[in-house]
Structure formats: C-alpha cells, structure tokens
Amino acid sequence: MYYGRKKMRVSCLIIFAVLYCVPPVALAGSFADNGNGTVTDNDTGLVWQQHDDGTTRQWEAAISYCKVFSLAGAGDWRLPNIKELQAIIDEFTYSPAIDPAYFPGTNLSGYWSSTASSFSSSLAWGVNFSNGYVHNYDKSNNYYVRCVRGGQ
C-alpha cells in the first residue's frame, strides 16, 4: 500500500479464521548511490552524506559542522530535522537500523537532528541507528552527525 509520500506496509495474518492486520510500518526510502560519497533518497529527494566522519559532537557543534560541510561540489549541507532523519531508518533491521549497502559504517549509536525538544531547552531529538529508536538527547552530550541537503 502507499500512504502519502512514504511507503507503508500492511501485514495481515489469518488466525483461527479471524483476520488480524498489523498497523502500517514505514519502510526505509528507495535509495540511489550517487558514486560521489552521497546517497539520494528517491522518495524524498534528499541527498545524504553517505559516510559520517566518525567524530561525535555536541548539538551546537553538529549544526555548525553541517553548515560548513562540503561534499560532491555542494556546500549547502545542513543537519537534518527529526522527520528527515527518521526517514532513513530501516525498521526491519537492527545493528544497524539503516541500510548498510547505502550507508556503510554507520555507528551503532545516536545521531543528531536539528530538531530541538519542546520538553526542555537542553534537549534535542536524535536517532540511535543501533535499534532505530528516536530519543531526546542532552545537547551537551556527543553524538554522530550525518548531513543532508535539499528539502526542508
């Protein structure tokens, strides 16, 4: 089935002649390796940094890093918002919860988004690519960064 801009899968089982349908689950995007260190999500049109630099940063430093990041002749990179970062989670895999064919070497840890938390000014949203869970992280902690361009 197709729900809006994101592919969704509905799984149904017949148990004792009762139809039981599992709620739709978001599928990871349809990706293309651009051969230049970037990956395009064909569903969203976003272009992703394929390999992070293996360095953890505090939240403000993560935002600054992406603002000055340059790759594949482009300098308009930014830290993704939480919805964009969630779109590359592969909910059917763990360790990593991202497609390793397109994002090899992804760290099994947290990655920052640009989305600040509404719960506290000291928190921001991120994704743990070990299990695909979305968390509020303390902005003073160090997590990884994967920059994106396009959209917003």
C-alpha atoms as a PDB file:
ATOM      1  CA  MET A   1       0.000   0.000   0.000  1.00  0.00           C
ATOM      2  CA  TYR A   2       1.062   3.568  -0.476  1.00  0.00           C
ATOM      3  CA  TYR A   3       0.273   6.251   2.109  1.00  0.00           C
ATOM      4  CA  GLY A   4       1.242   9.745   1.007  1.00  0.00           C
ATOM      5  CA  ARG A   5       4.939  10.253   0.306  1.00  0.00           C
ATOM      6  CA  LYS A   6       6.152   7.319   2.367  1.00  0.00           C
ATOM      7  CA  LYS A   7       5.708   3.658   1.510  1.00  0.00           C
ATOM      8  CA  MET A   8       3.846   1.731   4.175  1.00  0.00           C
ATOM      9  CA  ARG A   9       3.415  -1.998   4.527  1.00  0.00           C
ATOM     10  CA  VAL A  10       0.319  -3.607   5.985  1.00  0.00           C
ATOM     11  CA  SER A  11       0.799  -7.169   7.144  1.00  0.00           C
ATOM     12  CA  CYS A  12      -2.227  -9.380   7.644  1.00  0.00           C
ATOM     13  CA  LEU A  13      -2.485 -12.789   9.249  1.00  0.00           C
ATOM     14  CA  ILE A  14      -5.359 -15.223   9.396  1.00  0.00           C
ATOM     15  CA  ILE A  15      -5.502 -16.764  12.844  1.00  0.00           C
ATOM     16  CA  PHE A  16      -8.363 -19.117  13.660  1.00  0.00           C
ATOM     17  CA  ALA A  17     -10.384 -17.640  10.793  1.00  0.00           C
ATOM     18  CA  VAL A  18     -10.071 -14.130  12.248  1.00  0.00           C
ATOM     19  CA  LEU A  19      -8.367 -11.532  10.131  1.00  0.00           C
ATOM     20  CA  TYR A  20      -5.754  -9.641  12.111  1.00  0.00           C
ATOM     21  CA  CYS A  21      -3.926  -6.774  10.431  1.00  0.00           C
ATOM     22  CA  VAL A  22      -0.748  -5.299  11.800  1.00  0.00           C
ATOM     23  CA  PRO A  23      -0.669  -1.479  11.628  1.00  0.00           C
ATOM     24  CA  PRO A  24       1.266   0.064   8.734  1.00  0.00           C
ATOM     25  CA  VAL A  25       5.016   0.240   9.202  1.00  0.00           C
ATOM     26  CA  ALA A  26       7.182   2.823   7.444  1.00  0.00           C
ATOM     27  CA  LEU A  27       9.743   1.367   5.076  1.00  0.00           C
ATOM     28  CA  ALA A  28      13.148   2.903   4.542  1.00  0.00           C
ATOM     29  CA  GLY A  29      13.426   5.009   1.425  1.00  0.00           C
ATOM     30  CA  SER A  30      14.316   3.956  -2.069  1.00  0.00           C
ATOM     31  CA  PHE A  31      17.975   4.957  -2.278  1.00  0.00           C
ATOM     32  CA  ALA A  32      20.478   5.602  -5.063  1.00  0.00           C
ATOM     33  CA  ASP A  33      24.234   5.654  -4.523  1.00  0.00           C
ATOM     34  CA  ASN A  34      25.474   8.688  -6.449  1.00  0.00           C
ATOM     35  CA  GLY A  35      29.058   7.365  -6.548  1.00  0.00           C
ATOM     36  CA  ASN A  36      30.458  10.569  -5.023  1.00  0.00           C
ATOM     37  CA  GLY A  37      30.032   9.993  -1.287  1.00  0.00           C
ATOM     38  CA  THR A  38      26.340  10.881  -1.362  1.00  0.00           C
ATOM     39  CA  VAL A  39      23.086   8.919  -1.418  1.00  0.00           C
ATOM     40  CA  THR A  40      19.782  10.202  -2.790  1.00  0.00           C
ATOM     41  CA  ASP A  41      16.505   9.153  -1.160  1.00  0.00           C
ATOM     42  CA  ASN A  42      14.277   8.827  -4.215  1.00  0.00           C
ATOM     43  CA  ASP A  43      11.134   9.107  -2.065  1.00  0.00           C
ATOM     44  CA  THR A  44      12.027  12.473  -0.521  1.00  0.00           C
ATOM     45  CA  GLY A  45      14.585  13.874  -2.971  1.00  0.00           C
ATOM     46  CA  LEU A  46      17.005  14.491  -0.095  1.00  0.00           C
ATOM     47  CA  VAL A  47      20.719  13.932  -0.674  1.00  0.00           C
ATOM     48  CA  TRP A  48      22.577  12.383   2.265  1.00  0.00           C
ATOM     49  CA  GLN A  49      26.192  12.266   3.351  1.00  0.00           C
ATOM     50  CA  GLN A  50      26.932   8.575   2.810  1.00  0.00           C
ATOM     51  CA  HIS A  51      29.674   8.187   5.442  1.00  0.00           C
ATOM     52  CA  ASP A  52      29.818  10.172   8.659  1.00  0.00           C
ATOM     53  CA  ASP A  53      33.292  11.341   9.679  1.00  0.00           C
ATOM     54  CA  GLY A  54      33.376   9.127  12.784  1.00  0.00           C
ATOM     55  CA  THR A  55      33.515  12.137  15.096  1.00  0.00           C
ATOM     56  CA  THR A  56      30.987  12.797  17.839  1.00  0.00           C
ATOM     57  CA  ARG A  57      29.922  16.360  18.590  1.00  0.00           C
ATOM     58  CA  GLN A  58      27.665  18.305  20.887  1.00  0.00           C
ATOM     59  CA  TRP A  59      24.422  19.544  19.283  1.00  0.00           C
ATOM     60  CA  GLU A  60      25.529  23.126  18.509  1.00  0.00           C
ATOM     61  CA  ALA A  61      28.789  21.823  17.018  1.00  0.00           C
ATOM     62  CA  ALA A  62      26.803  19.340  14.898  1.00  0.00           C
ATOM     63  CA  ILE A  63      24.733  22.178  13.420  1.00  0.00           C
ATOM     64  CA  SER A  64      27.904  24.204  12.745  1.00  0.00           C
ATOM     65  CA  TYR A  65      29.669  21.197  11.180  1.00  0.00           C
ATOM     66  CA  CYS A  66      26.935  20.704   8.593  1.00  0.00           C
ATOM     67  CA  LYS A  67      26.738  24.444   7.791  1.00  0.00           C
ATOM     68  CA  VAL A  68      30.369  24.444   6.619  1.00  0.00           C
ATOM     69  CA  PHE A  69      30.418  20.860   5.271  1.00  0.00           C
ATOM     70  CA  SER A  70      31.332  20.431   1.615  1.00  0.00           C
ATOM     71  CA  LEU A  71      30.943  17.224  -0.400  1.00  0.00           C
ATOM     72  CA  ALA A  72      30.440  16.375  -4.064  1.00  0.00           C
ATOM     73  CA  GLY A  73      30.841  20.016  -5.071  1.00  0.00           C
ATOM     74  CA  ALA A  74      27.986  21.167  -2.835  1.00  0.00           C
ATOM     75  CA  GLY A  75      28.215  23.458   0.167  1.00  0.00           C
ATOM     76  CA  ASP A  76      24.539  23.772   1.107  1.00  0.00           C
ATOM     77  CA  TRP A  77      24.515  20.948   3.648  1.00  0.00           C
ATOM     78  CA  ARG A  78      22.613  21.117   6.936  1.00  0.00           C
ATOM     79  CA  LEU A  79      21.741  18.969   9.941  1.00  0.00           C
ATOM     80  CA  PRO A  80      18.520  17.058   9.113  1.00  0.00           C
ATOM     81  CA  ASN A  81      15.334  17.608  11.091  1.00  0.00           C
ATOM     82  CA  ILE A  82      13.993  14.627  13.031  1.00  0.00           C
ATOM     83  CA  LYS A  83      11.437  13.621  10.388  1.00  0.00           C
ATOM     84  CA  GLU A  84      14.121  13.552   7.717  1.00  0.00           C
ATOM     85  CA  LEU A  85      16.467  11.516   9.914  1.00  0.00           C
ATOM     86  CA  GLN A  86      13.661   9.075  10.756  1.00  0.00           C
ATOM     87  CA  ALA A  87      13.018   8.560   7.023  1.00  0.00           C
ATOM     88  CA  ILE A  88      16.321   6.678   6.597  1.00  0.00           C
ATOM     89  CA  ILE A  89      15.672   4.250   9.469  1.00  0.00           C
ATOM     90  CA  ASP A  90      15.180   0.684   8.283  1.00  0.00           C
ATOM     91  CA  GLU A  91      12.615  -0.605  10.775  1.00  0.00           C
ATOM     92  CA  PHE A  92      13.133  -4.207   9.673  1.00  0.00           C
ATOM     93  CA  THR A  93      16.811  -4.409  10.640  1.00  0.00           C
ATOM     94  CA  TYR A  94      18.888  -3.813  13.754  1.00  0.00           C
ATOM     95  CA  SER A  95      22.573  -3.196  14.366  1.00  0.00           C
ATOM     96  CA  PRO A  96      22.401  -1.131  12.185  1.00  0.00           C
ATOM     97  CA  ALA A  97      18.814   0.046  11.693  1.00  0.00           C
ATOM     98  CA  ILE A  98      19.785   1.632   8.383  1.00  0.00           C
ATOM     99  CA  ASP A  99      20.599   0.071   5.008  1.00  0.00           C
ATOM    100  CA  PRO A 100      24.341  -0.757   5.198  1.00  0.00           C
ATOM    101  CA  ALA A 101      24.538  -1.084   1.411  1.00  0.00           C
ATOM    102  CA  TYR A 102      23.910   2.658   1.099  1.00  0.00           C
ATOM    103  CA  PHE A 103      25.207   3.830   4.491  1.00  0.00           C
ATOM    104  CA  PRO A 104      28.159   1.528   5.275  1.00  0.00           C
ATOM    105  CA  GLY A 105      29.997   2.001   8.539  1.00  0.00           C
ATOM    106  CA  THR A 106      27.101   3.701  10.311  1.00  0.00           C
ATOM    107  CA  ASN A 107      27.914   3.863  14.007  1.00  0.00           C
ATOM    108  CA  LEU A 108      25.639   1.916  16.329  1.00  0.00           C
ATOM    109  CA  SER A 109      24.919   4.989  18.396  1.00  0.00           C
ATOM    110  CA  GLY A 110      22.999   8.247  18.403  1.00  0.00           C
ATOM    111  CA  TYR A 111      22.895  10.749  15.524  1.00  0.00           C
ATOM    112  CA  TRP A 112      21.747  14.327  15.977  1.00  0.00           C
ATOM    113  CA  SER A 113      18.831  16.008  14.252  1.00  0.00           C
ATOM    114  CA  SER A 114      18.347  19.771  14.114  1.00  0.00           C
ATOM    115  CA  THR A 115      15.028  19.481  15.961  1.00  0.00           C
ATOM    116  CA  ALA A 116      15.154  20.888  19.478  1.00  0.00           C
ATOM    117  CA  SER A 117      12.914  19.287  22.066  1.00  0.00           C
ATOM    118  CA  SER A 118       9.788  21.062  23.254  1.00  0.00           C
ATOM    119  CA  PHE A 119      10.218  19.357  26.648  1.00  0.00           C
ATOM    120  CA  SER A 120      13.394  21.180  27.615  1.00  0.00           C
ATOM    121  CA  SER A 121      15.715  23.725  26.016  1.00  0.00           C
ATOM    122  CA  SER A 122      18.642  21.492  26.963  1.00  0.00           C
ATOM    123  CA  LEU A 123      17.399  18.579  24.785  1.00  0.00           C
ATOM    124  CA  ALA A 124      17.275  17.813  21.053  1.00  0.00           C
ATOM    125  CA  TRP A 125      15.938  14.858  19.073  1.00  0.00           C
ATOM    126  CA  GLY A 126      18.129  12.179  17.571  1.00  0.00           C
ATOM    127  CA  VAL A 127      18.071   8.627  16.237  1.00  0.00           C
ATOM    128  CA  ASN A 128      20.014   5.656  17.551  1.00  0.00           C
ATOM    129  CA  PHE A 129      20.962   3.619  14.482  1.00  0.00           C
ATOM    130  CA  SER A 130      21.662   0.534  16.559  1.00  0.00           C
ATOM    131  CA  ASN A 131      17.933  -0.048  17.067  1.00  0.00           C
ATOM    132  CA  GLY A 132      16.218   2.774  15.140  1.00  0.00           C
ATOM    133  CA  TYR A 133      14.768   4.385  18.267  1.00  0.00           C
ATOM    134  CA  VAL A 134      14.134   8.118  18.388  1.00  0.00           C
ATOM    135  CA  HIS A 135      15.337   9.830  21.568  1.00  0.00           C
ATOM    136  CA  ASN A 136      15.659  13.196  23.243  1.00  0.00           C
ATOM    137  CA  TYR A 137      19.370  13.699  23.873  1.00  0.00           C
ATOM    138  CA  ASP A 138      21.029  16.253  26.129  1.00  0.00           C
ATOM    139  CA  LYS A 139      22.583  18.869  23.821  1.00  0.00           C
ATOM    140  CA  SER A 140      25.830  18.758  25.817  1.00  0.00           C
ATOM    141  CA  ASN A 141      26.362  15.058  25.003  1.00  0.00           C
ATOM    142  CA  ASN A 142      28.365  13.928  22.000  1.00  0.00           C
ATOM    143  CA  TYR A 143      26.689  12.057  19.132  1.00  0.00           C
ATOM    144  CA  TYR A 144      27.386  11.458  15.460  1.00  0.00           C
ATOM    145  CA  VAL A 145      26.328  13.611  12.524  1.00  0.00           C
ATOM    146  CA  ARG A 146      25.028  12.777   9.060  1.00  0.00           C
ATOM    147  CA  CYS A 147      24.430  15.892   6.960  1.00  0.00           C
ATOM    148  CA  VAL A 148      21.716  16.309   4.344  1.00  0.00           C
ATOM    149  CA  ARG A 149      20.867  18.740   1.557  1.00  0.00           C
ATOM    150  CA  GLY A 150      17.659  19.651  -0.223  1.00  0.00           C
ATOM    151  CA  GLY A 151      14.102  19.693   1.099  1.00  0.00           C
ATOM    152  CA  GLN A 152      13.268  21.348   4.426  1.00  0.00           C
END
